[in-house]
Amino acid sequence: MKMKDAFLSSGQSSPKRHVKSTWESRYRRLFIASLCGASVFLLVSLWLNAAWIYGSLYGQADRAHHFEILVIDLDGGDIGEPFSFSLFQLP
């Protein structure tokens, strides 16, 4: 005889099972709060980093125009030769 049939034949109602959720409300609230906090922190840090990079590149063309470098091509190889040639063609 099954358990359910035993309860029904004795006149008692079937036992109610209380299934406890794996995500109780306090843990669910803590998880969602932590997830929201981490998301806000990530977005703020990405925007701050983007603003810092954009600010460092602002007006770069004006600064690069006055930039003086010294190029030494000691071996005249495949990389140095076209680079030196292109530098000598500049006015």
N, C-alpha and C. Protein backbone atom coordinates (compact mmCIF):
# COMPACT_ATOMS: atom_id res chain seq x y z
N MET A 1 0.84 -1.17 0.00
CA MET A 1 0.00 0.00 0.00
C MET A 1 0.90 1.25 0.00
N LYS A 2 0.54 2.17 -0.84
CA LYS A 2 1.34 3.38 -0.92
C LYS A 2 1.01 4.30 0.24
N MET A 3 1.90 5.25 0.48
CA MET A 3 1.74 6.17 1.60
C MET A 3 0.47 7.01 1.45
N LYS A 4 0.21 7.48 0.24
CA LYS A 4 -0.97 8.31 0.01
C LYS A 4 -2.24 7.50 0.26
N ASP A 5 -2.25 6.26 -0.21
CA ASP A 5 -3.43 5.41 -0.02
C ASP A 5 -3.63 5.11 1.45
N ALA A 6 -2.56 4.96 2.20
CA ALA A 6 -2.68 4.67 3.63
C ALA A 6 -3.33 5.83 4.36
N PHE A 7 -2.98 7.05 4.01
CA PHE A 7 -3.59 8.20 4.66
C PHE A 7 -5.05 8.35 4.26
N LEU A 8 -5.35 8.12 3.01
CA LEU A 8 -6.72 8.28 2.56
C LEU A 8 -7.64 7.22 3.16
N SER A 9 -7.14 6.00 3.32
CA SER A 9 -7.98 4.93 3.87
C SER A 9 -8.21 5.11 5.36
N SER A 10 -7.32 5.81 6.04
CA SER A 10 -7.51 6.01 7.47
C SER A 10 -8.34 7.26 7.77
N GLY A 11 -8.77 7.96 6.74
CA GLY A 11 -9.60 9.13 6.93
C GLY A 11 -8.82 10.42 7.08
N GLN A 12 -7.52 10.34 7.07
CA GLN A 12 -6.70 11.55 7.19
C GLN A 12 -6.39 12.09 5.79
N SER A 13 -6.15 13.36 5.74
CA SER A 13 -5.78 13.94 4.45
C SER A 13 -4.32 13.62 4.16
N SER A 14 -3.97 13.73 2.92
CA SER A 14 -2.60 13.42 2.54
C SER A 14 -1.64 14.43 3.16
N PRO A 15 -0.45 14.00 3.52
CA PRO A 15 0.50 14.93 4.15
C PRO A 15 0.94 16.00 3.17
N LYS A 16 1.01 17.20 3.66
CA LYS A 16 1.44 18.31 2.80
C LYS A 16 2.95 18.42 2.87
N ARG A 17 3.50 18.49 1.74
CA ARG A 17 4.95 18.63 1.67
C ARG A 17 5.29 20.11 1.61
N HIS A 18 6.21 20.47 2.44
CA HIS A 18 6.69 21.84 2.42
C HIS A 18 8.04 21.83 1.71
N VAL A 19 8.04 22.28 0.48
CA VAL A 19 9.27 22.33 -0.30
C VAL A 19 9.94 23.66 -0.03
N LYS A 20 11.09 23.60 0.57
CA LYS A 20 11.81 24.82 0.88
C LYS A 20 12.57 25.25 -0.37
N SER A 21 12.37 26.47 -0.74
CA SER A 21 13.04 26.99 -1.92
C SER A 21 14.54 27.09 -1.66
N THR A 22 15.30 26.84 -2.70
CA THR A 22 16.75 26.98 -2.54
C THR A 22 17.14 28.45 -2.47
N TRP A 23 16.27 29.31 -2.92
CA TRP A 23 16.52 30.75 -2.87
C TRP A 23 15.52 31.38 -1.92
N GLU A 24 15.83 31.39 -0.66
CA GLU A 24 14.96 32.06 0.29
C GLU A 24 14.99 33.55 0.02
N SER A 25 13.98 34.24 0.50
CA SER A 25 13.84 35.65 0.15
C SER A 25 15.03 36.49 0.63
N ARG A 26 15.59 36.17 1.79
CA ARG A 26 16.71 36.99 2.27
C ARG A 26 17.95 36.77 1.43
N TYR A 27 18.17 35.52 0.99
CA TYR A 27 19.32 35.25 0.13
C TYR A 27 19.11 35.85 -1.26
N ARG A 28 17.89 35.80 -1.73
CA ARG A 28 17.58 36.36 -3.04
C ARG A 28 17.80 37.87 -3.02
N ARG A 29 17.34 38.54 -1.96
CA ARG A 29 17.56 39.99 -1.85
C ARG A 29 19.03 40.33 -1.75
N LEU A 30 19.78 39.54 -0.99
CA LEU A 30 21.22 39.77 -0.86
C LEU A 30 21.93 39.58 -2.18
N PHE A 31 21.54 38.54 -2.93
CA PHE A 31 22.15 38.29 -4.23
C PHE A 31 21.86 39.41 -5.21
N ILE A 32 20.61 39.85 -5.26
CA ILE A 32 20.24 40.91 -6.20
C ILE A 32 20.91 42.22 -5.82
N ALA A 33 20.99 42.51 -4.51
CA ALA A 33 21.67 43.73 -4.07
C ALA A 33 23.16 43.69 -4.42
N SER A 34 23.78 42.53 -4.22
CA SER A 34 25.20 42.40 -4.57
C SER A 34 25.41 42.52 -6.07
N LEU A 35 24.52 41.93 -6.84
CA LEU A 35 24.63 41.99 -8.30
C LEU A 35 24.45 43.42 -8.80
N CYS A 36 23.49 44.14 -8.25
CA CYS A 36 23.29 45.54 -8.65
C CYS A 36 24.48 46.41 -8.25
N GLY A 37 24.99 46.19 -7.06
CA GLY A 37 26.15 46.96 -6.61
C GLY A 37 27.37 46.72 -7.48
N ALA A 38 27.61 45.47 -7.82
CA ALA A 38 28.75 45.14 -8.69
C ALA A 38 28.56 45.72 -10.08
N SER A 39 27.33 45.70 -10.59
CA SER A 39 27.06 46.26 -11.92
C SER A 39 27.29 47.76 -11.95
N VAL A 40 26.82 48.45 -10.92
CA VAL A 40 27.02 49.90 -10.86
C VAL A 40 28.51 50.23 -10.74
N PHE A 41 29.22 49.48 -9.90
CA PHE A 41 30.66 49.71 -9.76
C PHE A 41 31.39 49.49 -11.09
N LEU A 42 31.02 48.44 -11.81
CA LEU A 42 31.66 48.15 -13.10
C LEU A 42 31.37 49.25 -14.11
N LEU A 43 30.13 49.69 -14.20
CA LEU A 43 29.79 50.75 -15.15
C LEU A 43 30.49 52.06 -14.83
N VAL A 44 30.53 52.42 -13.55
CA VAL A 44 31.19 53.67 -13.16
C VAL A 44 32.69 53.60 -13.46
N SER A 45 33.31 52.46 -13.16
CA SER A 45 34.74 52.35 -13.42
C SER A 45 35.04 52.36 -14.92
N LEU A 46 34.19 51.76 -15.73
CA LEU A 46 34.40 51.81 -17.18
C LEU A 46 34.24 53.23 -17.73
N TRP A 47 33.24 53.95 -17.26
CA TRP A 47 33.04 55.31 -17.73
C TRP A 47 34.17 56.23 -17.28
N LEU A 48 34.66 56.05 -16.06
CA LEU A 48 35.79 56.86 -15.60
C LEU A 48 37.04 56.58 -16.42
N ASN A 49 37.27 55.31 -16.72
CA ASN A 49 38.43 54.94 -17.52
C ASN A 49 38.30 55.50 -18.94
N ALA A 50 37.10 55.44 -19.52
CA ALA A 50 36.89 55.98 -20.87
C ALA A 50 37.10 57.50 -20.88
N ALA A 51 36.62 58.18 -19.85
CA ALA A 51 36.81 59.63 -19.79
C ALA A 51 38.29 59.99 -19.63
N TRP A 52 39.01 59.19 -18.86
CA TRP A 52 40.44 59.45 -18.68
C TRP A 52 41.20 59.26 -20.00
N ILE A 53 40.88 58.19 -20.73
CA ILE A 53 41.56 57.93 -22.01
C ILE A 53 41.19 59.02 -23.02
N TYR A 54 39.90 59.37 -23.09
CA TYR A 54 39.49 60.42 -24.02
C TYR A 54 40.16 61.75 -23.69
N GLY A 55 40.26 62.05 -22.41
CA GLY A 55 40.90 63.30 -22.01
C GLY A 55 42.38 63.33 -22.32
N SER A 56 43.03 62.18 -22.24
CA SER A 56 44.47 62.16 -22.56
C SER A 56 44.72 62.26 -24.06
N LEU A 57 43.74 61.89 -24.88
CA LEU A 57 43.90 61.97 -26.33
C LEU A 57 43.37 63.27 -26.92
N TYR A 58 42.76 64.12 -26.08
CA TYR A 58 42.20 65.38 -26.58
C TYR A 58 43.32 66.30 -27.07
N GLY A 59 43.19 66.79 -28.28
CA GLY A 59 44.16 67.71 -28.85
C GLY A 59 45.50 67.05 -29.15
N GLN A 60 45.49 65.77 -29.42
CA GLN A 60 46.74 65.05 -29.66
C GLN A 60 47.42 65.51 -30.95
N ALA A 61 46.64 65.89 -31.95
CA ALA A 61 47.23 66.32 -33.22
C ALA A 61 48.11 67.55 -33.04
N ASP A 62 47.69 68.47 -32.18
CA ASP A 62 48.50 69.67 -31.94
C ASP A 62 49.80 69.33 -31.22
N ARG A 63 49.73 68.39 -30.31
CA ARG A 63 50.95 68.02 -29.57
C ARG A 63 51.89 67.16 -30.42
N ALA A 64 51.33 66.30 -31.25
CA ALA A 64 52.17 65.42 -32.07
C ALA A 64 52.90 66.20 -33.16
N HIS A 65 52.34 67.33 -33.57
CA HIS A 65 52.98 68.12 -34.61
C HIS A 65 54.32 68.68 -34.11
N HIS A 66 54.41 69.00 -32.85
CA HIS A 66 55.62 69.59 -32.29
C HIS A 66 56.56 68.56 -31.67
N PHE A 67 56.25 67.30 -31.87
CA PHE A 67 57.04 66.23 -31.28
C PHE A 67 58.29 65.98 -32.11
N GLU A 68 59.45 66.04 -31.50
CA GLU A 68 60.71 65.81 -32.21
C GLU A 68 61.29 64.48 -31.79
N ILE A 69 61.72 63.70 -32.78
CA ILE A 69 62.31 62.39 -32.48
C ILE A 69 63.62 62.24 -33.24
N LEU A 70 64.42 61.35 -32.77
CA LEU A 70 65.69 61.02 -33.41
C LEU A 70 65.60 59.57 -33.89
N VAL A 71 65.77 59.35 -35.19
CA VAL A 71 65.68 58.01 -35.77
C VAL A 71 67.06 57.61 -36.26
N ILE A 72 67.52 56.48 -35.81
CA ILE A 72 68.82 55.95 -36.24
C ILE A 72 68.59 54.60 -36.88
N ASP A 73 68.95 54.48 -38.15
CA ASP A 73 68.82 53.21 -38.87
C ASP A 73 70.23 52.67 -39.08
N LEU A 74 70.64 51.76 -38.22
CA LEU A 74 72.02 51.27 -38.27
C LEU A 74 72.25 50.20 -39.32
N ASP A 75 71.21 49.40 -39.60
CA ASP A 75 71.45 48.29 -40.52
C ASP A 75 70.85 48.47 -41.90
N GLY A 76 69.96 49.46 -42.10
CA GLY A 76 69.35 49.68 -43.40
C GLY A 76 68.48 48.50 -43.81
N GLY A 77 67.82 47.88 -42.85
CA GLY A 77 67.03 46.69 -43.12
C GLY A 77 65.67 47.00 -43.72
N ASP A 78 64.83 45.95 -43.74
CA ASP A 78 63.52 46.05 -44.38
C ASP A 78 62.57 47.00 -43.66
N ILE A 79 62.76 47.19 -42.40
CA ILE A 79 61.87 48.08 -41.65
C ILE A 79 62.43 49.50 -41.59
N GLY A 80 63.69 49.64 -41.33
CA GLY A 80 64.30 50.96 -41.16
C GLY A 80 64.41 51.76 -42.44
N GLU A 81 64.66 51.10 -43.56
CA GLU A 81 64.85 51.82 -44.82
C GLU A 81 63.59 52.56 -45.29
N PRO A 82 62.41 51.90 -45.37
CA PRO A 82 61.22 52.68 -45.78
C PRO A 82 60.83 53.75 -44.76
N PHE A 83 61.08 53.48 -43.49
CA PHE A 83 60.77 54.46 -42.46
C PHE A 83 61.65 55.69 -42.62
N SER A 84 62.93 55.48 -42.82
CA SER A 84 63.85 56.61 -43.02
C SER A 84 63.52 57.35 -44.32
N PHE A 85 63.18 56.62 -45.36
CA PHE A 85 62.84 57.24 -46.64
C PHE A 85 61.61 58.13 -46.50
N SER A 86 60.59 57.63 -45.78
CA SER A 86 59.37 58.43 -45.62
C SER A 86 59.63 59.66 -44.75
N LEU A 87 60.53 59.58 -43.80
CA LEU A 87 60.85 60.74 -42.97
C LEU A 87 61.57 61.81 -43.77
N PHE A 88 62.44 61.40 -44.70
CA PHE A 88 63.16 62.37 -45.51
C PHE A 88 62.28 63.05 -46.54
N GLN A 89 61.14 62.44 -46.88
CA GLN A 89 60.23 63.04 -47.83
C GLN A 89 59.34 64.12 -47.23
N LEU A 90 59.27 64.15 -45.89
CA LEU A 90 58.44 65.17 -45.23
C LEU A 90 59.05 66.54 -45.38
N PRO A 91 58.25 67.60 -45.48
CA PRO A 91 58.82 68.95 -45.63
C PRO A 91 59.45 69.45 -44.36
